[in-house]
Protein backbone atom coordinates (compact mmCIF):
# COMPACT_ATOMS: atom_id res chain seq x y z
CA MET A 1 -32.24 120.50 33.66
CA ASN A 2 -32.79 122.22 30.31
CA ILE A 3 -30.31 122.60 27.45
CA SER A 4 -29.43 126.22 28.32
CA VAL A 5 -28.34 125.19 31.83
CA PHE A 6 -26.07 122.44 30.39
CA LYS A 7 -24.45 125.00 28.13
CA LYS A 8 -23.79 127.34 31.08
CA VAL A 9 -22.15 124.52 33.11
CA ASP A 10 -19.98 123.47 30.15
CA THR A 11 -18.89 127.07 29.67
CA LEU A 12 -17.98 127.40 33.38
CA ILE A 13 -15.90 124.17 33.37
CA ALA A 14 -14.04 125.30 30.27
CA LEU A 15 -13.33 128.67 31.86
CA LEU A 16 -12.01 127.07 35.10
CA THR A 17 -9.80 124.71 33.11
CA PHE A 18 -8.32 127.59 31.17
CA VAL A 19 -7.63 129.52 34.38
CA CYS A 20 -5.98 126.49 36.06
CA VAL A 21 -3.81 125.74 33.05
CA GLY A 22 -2.75 129.37 32.97
CA LEU A 23 -1.97 129.34 36.71
CA PHE A 24 0.14 126.18 36.55
CA ALA A 25 1.98 127.54 33.51
CA GLN A 26 2.80 130.71 35.42
CA GLN A 27 3.94 128.73 38.46
CA LYS A 28 6.18 126.56 36.32
CA ASN A 29 7.69 129.67 34.79
CA ASP A 30 8.29 130.97 38.31
CA ALA A 31 10.02 127.73 39.22
CA ILE A 32 12.21 127.87 36.12
CA ASN A 33 13.05 131.52 36.79
CA ALA A 34 14.00 130.69 40.38
CA PHE A 35 16.18 127.84 39.13
CA ASN A 36 17.92 130.08 36.59
CA GLN A 37 18.45 132.76 39.23
CA GLY A 38 20.16 130.16 41.41
CA VAL A 39 22.39 129.06 38.54
CA VAL A 40 23.51 132.66 37.95
CA LEU A 41 24.24 133.26 41.65
CA MET A 42 26.24 130.03 41.89
CA LYS A 43 28.88 131.56 39.63
CA THR A 44 29.66 134.36 42.09
CA ASP A 45 28.20 133.42 45.48
CA ALA A 46 27.17 129.84 46.07
CA VAL A 47 25.63 130.64 49.46
CA SER A 48 23.25 133.22 47.97
CA ALA A 49 22.05 130.61 45.49
CA ILE A 50 20.47 128.55 48.29
CA GLU A 51 17.34 130.69 48.59
CA PRO A 52 16.28 130.66 44.90
CA PHE A 53 16.81 126.89 44.68
CA GLU A 54 14.75 126.41 47.84
CA ASN A 55 12.02 128.58 46.28
CA CYS A 56 12.21 126.58 43.06
CA ILE A 57 11.67 123.30 44.91
CA LYS A 58 8.79 124.77 46.92
CA ILE A 59 7.01 125.98 43.79
CA CYS A 60 7.56 122.66 42.04
CA GLU A 61 6.00 120.81 44.96
CA GLN A 62 2.94 123.03 44.69
CA ILE A 63 2.63 122.29 40.97
CA GLY A 64 3.05 118.52 41.26
CA ASP A 65 4.31 115.90 38.80
CA SER A 66 4.50 118.20 35.81
CA ALA A 67 7.33 120.15 37.47
CA ASP A 68 9.37 117.12 38.53
CA GLU A 69 12.09 117.67 35.94
CA VAL A 70 12.89 121.15 37.29
CA LYS A 71 12.55 119.98 40.89
CA ILE A 72 14.99 117.09 40.41
CA LYS A 73 17.60 119.41 38.93
CA ALA A 74 17.28 121.79 41.89
CA ILE A 75 17.50 118.93 44.38
CA GLN A 76 20.72 117.73 42.75
CA VAL A 77 22.33 121.11 43.40
CA LEU A 78 20.92 122.25 46.75
CA PRO A 79 22.68 119.94 49.29
CA ASP A 80 26.12 120.83 47.99
CA LEU A 81 25.33 124.54 48.35
CA TYR A 82 24.58 124.03 52.03
CA PHE A 83 27.87 122.13 52.34
CA GLN A 84 29.72 124.96 50.61
CA LYS A 85 28.30 127.43 53.13
CA ALA A 86 29.62 125.34 56.03
CA TYR A 87 32.95 124.78 54.28
CA ASN A 88 33.46 128.50 53.70
CA LEU A 89 32.80 129.23 57.36
CA TYR A 90 35.52 126.74 58.30
CA THR A 91 38.21 127.49 55.73
CA ILE A 92 37.72 131.19 54.99
CA ASP A 93 36.02 132.74 58.01
CA LYS A 94 37.58 130.41 60.63
CA LYS A 95 34.25 130.40 62.46
CA TYR A 96 34.26 126.82 63.64
CA GLN A 97 31.10 126.77 65.75
CA GLU A 98 29.15 128.50 62.95
CA SER A 99 30.62 126.02 60.48
CA LEU A 100 29.48 123.15 62.70
CA ASN A 101 25.97 124.59 62.93
CA ALA A 102 25.84 125.02 59.15
CA SER A 103 27.20 121.49 58.68
CA LYS A 104 24.36 120.04 60.73
CA ILE A 105 21.87 121.77 58.44
CA ALA A 106 23.76 120.57 55.36
CA LEU A 107 23.69 117.02 56.71
CA ALA A 108 19.92 117.22 57.25
CA VAL A 109 19.42 118.49 53.67
CA ALA A 110 21.68 115.74 52.28
CA ASP A 111 19.67 113.14 54.20
CA LYS A 112 16.36 114.64 53.07
CA TYR A 113 17.32 114.36 49.41
CA SER A 114 19.34 111.12 49.75
CA ASN A 115 22.58 112.74 48.58
CA GLN A 116 25.17 110.31 49.92
CA LYS A 117 28.19 112.07 48.43
CA THR A 118 27.37 115.38 50.10
CA LYS A 119 26.51 113.58 53.32
CA GLU A 120 29.97 112.00 53.46
CA LYS A 121 31.69 115.32 52.70
CA THR A 122 29.66 117.05 55.37
CA GLN A 123 30.47 114.42 57.98
CA LYS A 124 34.18 114.86 57.25
CA LEU A 125 33.80 118.61 57.68
CA MET A 126 31.92 118.12 60.95
CA ILE A 127 34.82 116.00 62.19
CA GLN A 128 37.22 118.84 61.37
CA ASP A 129 34.94 121.29 63.19
CA TYR A 130 34.73 119.10 66.29
CA ILE A 131 38.47 118.40 66.35
CA THR A 132 39.32 122.09 66.05
CA LEU A 133 36.76 123.13 68.66
CA GLY A 134 37.88 120.34 70.98
CA SER A 135 41.53 121.38 70.65
CA ASN A 136 40.59 124.99 71.40
CA TYR A 137 38.65 123.93 74.49
CA TYR A 138 41.61 121.78 75.56
CA THR A 139 43.97 124.75 75.28
CA ALA A 140 41.53 126.87 77.28
CA ASN A 141 41.32 124.16 79.98
CA ASP A 142 37.60 123.73 79.29
CA ASN A 143 38.12 120.00 79.49
CA ASP A 144 34.51 118.79 79.69
CA LYS A 145 33.65 120.61 76.46
CA ALA A 146 36.79 119.22 74.84
CA ILE A 147 35.74 115.67 75.75
CA SER A 148 32.25 116.34 74.39
CA CYS A 149 33.70 117.46 71.04
CA PHE A 150 35.96 114.41 70.73
CA ASP A 151 33.05 112.13 71.66
CA SER A 152 30.99 113.78 68.91
CA VAL A 153 33.70 112.87 66.41
CA LEU A 154 33.58 109.27 67.59
CA LEU A 155 29.81 109.16 67.07
CA ILE A 156 30.50 109.90 63.40
CA ASN A 157 33.62 107.72 63.13
CA PRO A 158 34.28 105.39 66.10
CA ASP A 159 37.79 104.64 64.81
CA HIS A 160 38.96 108.23 64.44
CA LEU A 161 42.46 108.00 65.92
CA LYS A 162 43.11 111.69 66.50
CA ALA A 163 39.87 112.05 68.45
CA ILE A 164 40.72 109.07 70.66
CA TYR A 165 44.26 110.31 71.27
CA ASN A 166 43.11 113.86 72.03
CA LYS A 167 40.52 112.46 74.39
CA ALA A 168 43.27 110.56 76.21
CA LEU A 169 45.35 113.75 76.43
CA THR A 170 42.39 115.56 77.96
CA TYR A 171 41.79 112.89 80.57
CA LYS A 172 45.52 112.99 81.34
CA LYS A 173 45.27 116.74 81.96
CA MET A 174 42.21 116.13 84.16
CA ASN A 175 44.19 113.50 86.09
CA ASN A 176 41.35 111.05 85.56
CA THR A 177 43.34 107.83 85.75
CA ALA A 178 40.49 105.43 85.04
CA LYS A 179 39.27 107.30 81.94
CA PHE A 180 42.81 107.95 80.73
CA THR A 181 43.65 104.24 80.99
CA GLU A 182 40.46 103.22 79.19
CA THR A 183 41.02 105.72 76.38
CA ILE A 184 44.74 105.22 75.81
CA ASP A 185 44.24 101.44 75.81
CA MET A 186 41.51 101.88 73.19
CA TYR A 187 43.90 103.97 71.10
CA ILE A 188 46.73 101.44 71.43
CA GLY A 189 44.36 98.67 70.40
CA ARG A 190 43.45 100.59 67.23
CA VAL A 191 47.01 101.50 66.20
CA LYS A 192 48.46 98.02 66.64
CA GLY A 193 47.03 97.02 63.28
CA ILE A 194 48.35 100.08 61.46
CA ALA A 195 51.54 100.27 59.43
CA ASP A 196 52.58 103.63 60.91
CA THR A 197 55.44 102.72 63.27
CA THR A 198 55.40 106.03 65.18
CA LEU A 199 51.92 105.91 66.70
CA LEU A 200 52.32 102.95 69.04
CA PRO A 201 55.61 104.11 70.64
CA GLN A 202 54.13 107.59 71.05
CA ALA A 203 51.06 106.22 72.83
CA ASN A 204 53.09 103.90 75.06
CA LYS A 205 55.36 106.79 76.04
CA LEU A 206 52.38 108.99 76.87
CA ALA A 207 50.92 106.32 79.13
CA LEU A 208 54.21 105.37 80.75
CA ASP A 209 55.04 109.03 81.47
CA TYR A 210 51.61 109.55 82.99
CA PHE A 211 51.83 106.60 85.38
CA ARG A 212 55.47 107.30 86.31
CA ASN A 213 54.84 110.98 87.05
CA SER A 214 51.61 110.27 88.91
CA GLY A 215 53.43 107.61 90.93
CA ILE A 216 56.23 110.03 91.81
CA LYS A 217 53.69 112.59 93.04
CA ALA A 218 51.95 109.97 95.16
CA ASN A 219 55.27 108.80 96.61
CA THR A 220 56.28 112.38 97.42
CA ALA A 221 52.93 112.81 99.20
CA ASN A 222 53.70 109.56 101.09
CA LYS A 223 50.66 107.86 99.56
CA LEU A 224 52.64 104.69 99.11
CA ALA A 225 49.82 102.30 98.19
CA ASP A 226 48.58 104.65 95.47
CA ALA A 227 52.13 105.17 94.26
CA LEU A 228 52.72 101.43 93.93
CA THR A 229 49.50 100.97 91.96
CA LEU A 230 50.36 103.78 89.55
CA LEU A 231 54.00 102.78 89.08
CA ASN A 232 53.18 99.11 88.52
CA SER A 233 50.53 100.13 85.98
CA SER A 234 53.29 101.68 83.88
CA PHE A 235 54.84 98.29 83.07
CA LYS A 236 52.02 97.58 80.63
CA TYR A 237 53.49 100.30 78.42
CA GLY A 238 57.22 99.63 78.78
CA THR A 239 60.09 99.46 81.25
CA ASP A 240 61.50 102.64 82.73
CA LYS A 241 64.52 102.94 85.02
CA ASP A 242 63.00 105.81 86.98
CA VAL A 243 59.92 103.72 87.72
CA LEU A 244 62.23 101.04 89.10
CA TYR A 245 64.01 103.63 91.24
CA GLN A 246 60.71 104.86 92.67
CA LEU A 247 59.63 101.31 93.45
CA ALA A 248 62.93 100.64 95.22
CA ASN A 249 62.47 103.81 97.26
CA ILE A 250 58.90 102.89 98.25
CA TYR A 251 59.75 99.31 99.18
CA ASN A 252 62.61 100.56 101.35
CA LYS A 253 60.16 102.88 103.12
CA GLN A 254 57.92 99.87 103.70
CA LYS A 255 60.92 97.82 104.84
CA LYS A 256 60.33 95.34 102.04
CA PHE A 257 64.05 95.10 101.42
CA ALA A 258 64.08 92.15 99.03
CA GLU A 259 61.68 93.90 96.65
CA ALA A 260 63.62 97.15 97.06
CA ALA A 261 66.93 95.50 96.19
CA ASP A 262 65.42 93.74 93.19
CA ASN A 263 64.04 96.97 91.69
CA ALA A 264 67.16 98.98 92.50
CA GLN A 265 69.34 96.40 90.74
CA LYS A 266 67.05 96.32 87.69
CA GLY A 267 67.18 100.11 87.47
CA LEU A 268 70.94 100.06 87.85
CA ASP A 269 71.22 97.54 85.01
CA LEU A 270 69.26 99.91 82.75
CA GLU A 271 71.25 103.02 83.70
CA THR A 272 74.11 103.38 81.22
CA GLY A 273 75.15 106.88 82.26
CA ALA A 274 78.02 108.17 84.38
CA PRO A 275 78.53 107.20 88.05
CA GLU A 276 76.59 110.33 89.05
CA ALA A 277 73.53 108.96 87.24
CA LYS A 278 73.89 105.58 88.93
CA ALA A 279 74.22 107.03 92.42
CA LYS A 280 70.52 107.02 93.29
CA PHE A 281 70.17 103.36 92.35
CA TYR A 282 73.22 102.42 94.40
CA TYR A 283 71.83 104.33 97.35
CA GLU A 284 68.50 102.49 97.36
CA LEU A 285 70.29 99.20 96.74
CA ALA A 286 72.57 99.90 99.72
CA VAL A 287 69.61 100.73 101.99
CA ALA A 288 67.96 97.45 100.98
CA GLN A 289 71.17 95.47 101.50
CA ALA A 290 71.65 97.00 104.93
CA GLY A 291 68.04 96.15 105.78
CA LYS A 292 68.68 92.54 104.82
CA GLY A 293 71.82 92.44 106.97
CA GLU A 294 74.23 92.36 104.02
CA THR A 295 76.60 94.88 105.59
CA GLU A 296 79.61 94.34 103.35
CA ASN A 297 77.53 94.70 100.17
CA ALA A 298 75.78 97.73 101.63
CA CYS A 299 79.10 99.43 102.40
CA GLU A 300 80.25 98.93 98.83
CA SER A 301 76.96 100.19 97.38
CA PHE A 302 77.01 103.29 99.64
CA LYS A 303 80.53 103.95 98.41
CA ASN A 304 79.27 103.86 94.81
CA SER A 305 76.40 106.23 95.67
CA MET A 306 78.63 109.04 96.95
CA PHE A 307 77.80 111.54 94.20
CA GLY A 308 75.71 114.70 94.05
CA PRO A 309 72.85 114.89 96.57
CA PHE A 310 73.69 111.43 97.96
CA VAL A 311 77.19 112.26 99.24
CA ASP A 312 76.32 113.29 102.80
CA ALA A 313 73.69 110.59 103.34
CA SER A 314 76.01 107.90 101.98
CA LYS A 315 78.87 109.00 104.27
CA ALA A 316 76.56 108.94 107.26
CA GLN A 317 75.31 105.46 106.39
CA ARG A 318 78.84 104.14 105.97
CA THR A 319 79.72 105.60 109.37
CA ASN A 320 76.71 103.93 110.99
CA LEU A 321 77.62 100.60 109.38
CA LYS A 322 81.26 101.02 110.42
CA CYS A 323 82.38 100.49 106.83
CA LYS A 324 86.10 100.27 106.19
């Protein structure tokens, strides 16, 4: 190769270098301009600032290492802008599903750029979205979707008490005894170690009411075995005089008079109201006593049960027993 050819090659390399330097300089200016545009928009509309910051990062990645300083600054800002978009949808627009969708994107951006602070904020917002959506589904009797929302909360925070409690309420509405028991027991296990003294009594009352009421329905339907199972399950959550009355009534139907008398007496001991309130317990106690052959005691108990709806039945029983 002669000298003139070398000179032509050198000239070409120099020209290409000049063009490349000029191109990268222009791209860097574009990145800086995009960044500055985002900064301006942040002052009035944080959501609109997302696009220019995304463009800034894209341009910087095309340039390479020389644009890292601008890229890093954009990355520091971008995840929080996505969070702000989701937050506005929740707090201002009250569009909870849209907020949840935007939160999922914000979480992905926070993960991509290792922004732990924004990730934690976004997860908290997602919990609020799921709780609100779940409560709305619960009110609308869309119970499966409600459960799904509360389960989604628990994937983020397995110890989230409100989600567990709301899940128990939903299973209660669905009359799913097995799932209700599992969930309310989980909730009770969590709140036992908490200083709040209202949560445990509230949960125990919810469970006791559920098993008592379900037991009453089963007894009314003459499903006595189911009723006994449900009513006896209630004792795990406290003692209730009406549960004892129902048990006495069932055992009398089954002619298990010793068990009937025992439960009727326990219920009577808990009833501190007027004689009218005690009448139902005395009636079941009297039936059990008569079944055991304790006629004198039965006559006295039937006498004490002669109030309200038990008057006619008690009189008839006393007549049959030839009470004095």
